[in-house]
Amino acid sequence: MTKNGIINARIEETLKKEAERVFENLNLSATTAIALFYRQCVLHNGLPFELKVPASLSASDSQQNLPENHDAYNNSHNNRQLYSKLNFF
């Protein structure tokens, strides 16, 4: 299969270096590690690990400023808001 998909992502430099050290210890390139992550997402039909809200974030933090009665919007917006608080974006 031809590999011509391109991913561009900005992450913190220290996180990138720490992850690349882990990949090196596993004898993986960053490209291979990302491909493994994508394959696992497909196999799990979702993320290959459980997402949890840290105890330090209150329930009101994840519900703040969201429109009511929009479950799909709430779920995706909650995740984006949570990831933002966890410095994922």
N, C-alpha and C. Protein backbone atom coordinates (compact mmCIF):
# COMPACT_ATOMS: atom_id res chain seq x y z
N MET A 1 0.85 -1.17 0.00
CA MET A 1 0.00 0.00 0.00
C MET A 1 0.90 1.24 0.00
N THR A 2 0.57 2.19 -0.83
CA THR A 2 1.35 3.42 -0.92
C THR A 2 1.13 4.28 0.31
N LYS A 3 2.21 4.76 0.85
CA LYS A 3 2.14 5.63 2.03
C LYS A 3 2.33 7.07 1.57
N ASN A 4 1.21 7.77 1.35
CA ASN A 4 1.33 9.15 0.91
C ASN A 4 0.49 10.12 1.74
N GLY A 5 -0.05 9.65 2.86
CA GLY A 5 -0.77 10.53 3.78
C GLY A 5 0.23 11.33 4.61
N ILE A 6 -0.04 12.59 4.79
CA ILE A 6 0.87 13.45 5.55
C ILE A 6 0.15 13.98 6.78
N ILE A 7 0.86 13.96 7.91
CA ILE A 7 0.33 14.50 9.16
C ILE A 7 1.26 15.61 9.61
N ASN A 8 0.70 16.76 9.90
CA ASN A 8 1.45 17.86 10.49
C ASN A 8 0.79 18.19 11.82
N ALA A 9 1.56 18.18 12.88
CA ALA A 9 1.01 18.47 14.20
C ALA A 9 2.02 19.28 14.99
N ARG A 10 1.53 20.24 15.74
CA ARG A 10 2.40 21.02 16.61
C ARG A 10 2.20 20.54 18.04
N ILE A 11 3.31 20.19 18.69
CA ILE A 11 3.29 19.77 20.08
C ILE A 11 4.46 20.45 20.79
N GLU A 12 4.41 20.41 22.10
CA GLU A 12 5.50 20.99 22.87
C GLU A 12 6.80 20.25 22.57
N GLU A 13 7.88 21.00 22.44
CA GLU A 13 9.17 20.42 22.10
C GLU A 13 9.62 19.38 23.12
N THR A 14 9.40 19.67 24.41
CA THR A 14 9.84 18.71 25.44
C THR A 14 9.05 17.40 25.34
N LEU A 15 7.76 17.48 25.06
CA LEU A 15 6.95 16.28 24.89
C LEU A 15 7.45 15.48 23.69
N LYS A 16 7.75 16.16 22.60
CA LYS A 16 8.26 15.51 21.40
C LYS A 16 9.56 14.76 21.71
N LYS A 17 10.47 15.42 22.38
CA LYS A 17 11.76 14.80 22.71
C LYS A 17 11.60 13.60 23.65
N GLU A 18 10.73 13.75 24.65
CA GLU A 18 10.49 12.65 25.59
C GLU A 18 9.90 11.44 24.87
N ALA A 19 8.92 11.69 24.01
CA ALA A 19 8.28 10.59 23.26
C ALA A 19 9.28 9.94 22.32
N GLU A 20 10.12 10.74 21.66
CA GLU A 20 11.10 10.18 20.73
C GLU A 20 12.13 9.32 21.46
N ARG A 21 12.45 9.66 22.72
CA ARG A 21 13.35 8.81 23.51
C ARG A 21 12.68 7.46 23.78
N VAL A 22 11.38 7.49 24.08
CA VAL A 22 10.64 6.24 24.30
C VAL A 22 10.63 5.43 23.01
N PHE A 23 10.34 6.08 21.88
CA PHE A 23 10.31 5.37 20.59
C PHE A 23 11.68 4.75 20.29
N GLU A 24 12.74 5.51 20.57
CA GLU A 24 14.09 5.01 20.32
C GLU A 24 14.36 3.76 21.16
N ASN A 25 13.93 3.78 22.42
CA ASN A 25 14.11 2.60 23.29
C ASN A 25 13.34 1.40 22.76
N LEU A 26 12.26 1.66 22.05
CA LEU A 26 11.45 0.58 21.46
C LEU A 26 11.87 0.25 20.04
N ASN A 27 12.93 0.94 19.58
CA ASN A 27 13.44 0.77 18.22
C ASN A 27 12.37 1.12 17.17
N LEU A 28 11.63 2.21 17.44
CA LEU A 28 10.60 2.70 16.52
C LEU A 28 10.94 4.11 16.07
N SER A 29 10.59 4.42 14.85
CA SER A 29 10.65 5.81 14.41
C SER A 29 9.36 6.50 14.84
N ALA A 30 9.37 7.82 14.85
CA ALA A 30 8.14 8.56 15.17
C ALA A 30 7.05 8.21 14.16
N THR A 31 7.42 8.06 12.90
CA THR A 31 6.46 7.71 11.85
C THR A 31 5.80 6.36 12.15
N THR A 32 6.60 5.38 12.53
CA THR A 32 6.06 4.05 12.85
C THR A 32 5.18 4.11 14.08
N ALA A 33 5.59 4.87 15.10
CA ALA A 33 4.79 5.00 16.32
C ALA A 33 3.43 5.64 16.02
N ILE A 34 3.43 6.67 15.18
CA ILE A 34 2.17 7.33 14.82
C ILE A 34 1.29 6.37 14.02
N ALA A 35 1.90 5.63 13.09
CA ALA A 35 1.13 4.66 12.30
C ALA A 35 0.53 3.58 13.21
N LEU A 36 1.29 3.13 14.22
CA LEU A 36 0.77 2.16 15.18
C LEU A 36 -0.41 2.73 15.95
N PHE A 37 -0.29 3.99 16.37
CA PHE A 37 -1.39 4.64 17.09
C PHE A 37 -2.64 4.69 16.20
N TYR A 38 -2.48 5.13 14.95
CA TYR A 38 -3.62 5.19 14.03
C TYR A 38 -4.24 3.82 13.82
N ARG A 39 -3.39 2.79 13.64
CA ARG A 39 -3.91 1.43 13.43
C ARG A 39 -4.70 0.97 14.65
N GLN A 40 -4.21 1.25 15.84
CA GLN A 40 -4.92 0.87 17.06
C GLN A 40 -6.24 1.62 17.19
N CYS A 41 -6.28 2.89 16.78
CA CYS A 41 -7.55 3.64 16.79
C CYS A 41 -8.57 2.98 15.89
N VAL A 42 -8.12 2.54 14.72
CA VAL A 42 -9.02 1.87 13.78
C VAL A 42 -9.50 0.54 14.37
N LEU A 43 -8.58 -0.24 14.92
CA LEU A 43 -8.94 -1.55 15.48
C LEU A 43 -9.89 -1.43 16.67
N HIS A 44 -9.72 -0.38 17.48
CA HIS A 44 -10.57 -0.15 18.65
C HIS A 44 -11.83 0.65 18.31
N ASN A 45 -11.88 1.17 17.09
CA ASN A 45 -12.96 2.07 16.69
C ASN A 45 -13.07 3.22 17.69
N GLY A 46 -11.94 3.74 18.09
CA GLY A 46 -11.84 4.83 19.06
C GLY A 46 -10.41 4.89 19.55
N LEU A 47 -10.19 5.62 20.60
CA LEU A 47 -8.85 5.70 21.16
C LEU A 47 -8.49 4.37 21.84
N PRO A 48 -7.24 3.95 21.73
CA PRO A 48 -6.85 2.65 22.29
C PRO A 48 -6.53 2.69 23.78
N PHE A 49 -7.06 3.69 24.45
CA PHE A 49 -6.87 3.81 25.89
C PHE A 49 -8.03 4.62 26.45
N GLU A 50 -8.23 4.51 27.75
CA GLU A 50 -9.33 5.22 28.41
C GLU A 50 -8.92 6.66 28.71
N LEU A 51 -9.83 7.59 28.44
CA LEU A 51 -9.61 8.99 28.80
C LEU A 51 -10.30 9.26 30.12
N LYS A 52 -9.59 9.89 31.03
CA LYS A 52 -10.16 10.22 32.33
C LYS A 52 -9.90 11.69 32.61
N VAL A 53 -10.84 12.30 33.32
CA VAL A 53 -10.66 13.67 33.77
C VAL A 53 -9.90 13.63 35.08
N PRO A 54 -8.76 14.33 35.16
CA PRO A 54 -8.01 14.35 36.42
C PRO A 54 -8.87 14.88 37.56
N ALA A 55 -8.66 14.34 38.74
CA ALA A 55 -9.44 14.75 39.91
C ALA A 55 -9.31 16.24 40.18
N SER A 56 -8.21 16.84 39.74
CA SER A 56 -7.99 18.27 39.98
C SER A 56 -8.94 19.16 39.17
N LEU A 57 -9.59 18.61 38.13
CA LEU A 57 -10.58 19.37 37.36
C LEU A 57 -11.96 19.04 37.88
N SER A 58 -12.74 20.05 38.19
CA SER A 58 -14.09 19.81 38.71
C SER A 58 -15.04 19.50 37.57
N ALA A 59 -16.16 18.89 37.91
CA ALA A 59 -17.19 18.59 36.91
C ALA A 59 -17.70 19.86 36.26
N SER A 60 -17.77 20.95 37.00
CA SER A 60 -18.26 22.20 36.42
C SER A 60 -17.30 22.73 35.36
N ASP A 61 -16.01 22.45 35.47
CA ASP A 61 -15.05 22.88 34.46
C ASP A 61 -15.38 22.28 33.10
N SER A 62 -15.78 21.00 33.08
CA SER A 62 -16.04 20.35 31.81
C SER A 62 -17.40 20.72 31.23
N GLN A 63 -18.31 21.30 32.01
CA GLN A 63 -19.63 21.66 31.54
C GLN A 63 -19.79 23.16 31.31
N GLN A 64 -18.79 23.92 31.62
CA GLN A 64 -18.88 25.38 31.58
C GLN A 64 -19.08 25.89 30.16
N ASN A 65 -20.04 26.81 30.00
CA ASN A 65 -20.29 27.52 28.74
C ASN A 65 -20.66 26.63 27.57
N LEU A 66 -21.37 25.53 27.80
CA LEU A 66 -21.80 24.66 26.71
C LEU A 66 -23.30 24.78 26.52
N PRO A 67 -23.78 24.76 25.25
CA PRO A 67 -25.22 24.79 25.04
C PRO A 67 -25.86 23.51 25.56
N GLU A 68 -27.07 23.61 26.08
CA GLU A 68 -27.76 22.45 26.64
C GLU A 68 -28.44 21.66 25.54
N ASN A 69 -28.73 20.38 25.81
CA ASN A 69 -29.48 19.49 24.93
C ASN A 69 -28.81 19.27 23.57
N HIS A 70 -27.53 19.27 23.53
CA HIS A 70 -26.80 18.97 22.30
C HIS A 70 -25.71 17.95 22.65
N ASP A 71 -26.11 16.69 22.82
CA ASP A 71 -25.19 15.67 23.31
C ASP A 71 -23.93 15.52 22.45
N ALA A 72 -24.09 15.41 21.13
CA ALA A 72 -22.91 15.24 20.27
C ALA A 72 -22.00 16.46 20.38
N TYR A 73 -22.62 17.64 20.37
CA TYR A 73 -21.81 18.87 20.52
C TYR A 73 -21.15 18.89 21.88
N ASN A 74 -21.91 18.56 22.91
CA ASN A 74 -21.36 18.57 24.27
C ASN A 74 -20.17 17.62 24.39
N ASN A 75 -20.30 16.40 23.85
CA ASN A 75 -19.22 15.44 23.96
C ASN A 75 -17.96 15.93 23.27
N SER A 76 -18.08 16.38 22.02
CA SER A 76 -16.89 16.83 21.30
C SER A 76 -16.35 18.12 21.90
N HIS A 77 -17.24 19.01 22.31
CA HIS A 77 -16.78 20.28 22.88
C HIS A 77 -16.16 20.05 24.25
N ASN A 78 -16.73 19.14 25.05
CA ASN A 78 -16.14 18.80 26.35
C ASN A 78 -14.73 18.27 26.17
N ASN A 79 -14.55 17.38 25.19
CA ASN A 79 -13.22 16.82 24.97
C ASN A 79 -12.24 17.91 24.57
N ARG A 80 -12.63 18.79 23.66
CA ARG A 80 -11.74 19.87 23.22
C ARG A 80 -11.42 20.78 24.41
N GLN A 81 -12.43 21.09 25.23
CA GLN A 81 -12.21 21.96 26.39
C GLN A 81 -11.28 21.27 27.39
N LEU A 82 -11.49 19.98 27.61
CA LEU A 82 -10.65 19.23 28.54
C LEU A 82 -9.22 19.17 28.02
N TYR A 83 -9.06 18.85 26.73
CA TYR A 83 -7.72 18.77 26.16
C TYR A 83 -7.02 20.11 26.25
N SER A 84 -7.77 21.18 26.08
CA SER A 84 -7.19 22.51 26.19
C SER A 84 -6.66 22.74 27.60
N LYS A 85 -7.42 22.33 28.60
CA LYS A 85 -6.99 22.49 30.00
C LYS A 85 -5.76 21.62 30.28
N LEU A 86 -5.65 20.49 29.56
CA LEU A 86 -4.52 19.60 29.77
C LEU A 86 -3.35 19.92 28.83
N ASN A 87 -3.46 21.06 28.14
CA ASN A 87 -2.42 21.54 27.22
C ASN A 87 -2.22 20.62 26.03
N PHE A 88 -3.30 19.96 25.54
CA PHE A 88 -3.20 19.14 24.34
C PHE A 88 -3.30 20.03 23.10
N PHE A 89 -3.89 21.23 23.23
CA PHE A 89 -4.02 22.13 22.08
C PHE A 89 -3.26 23.39 22.37
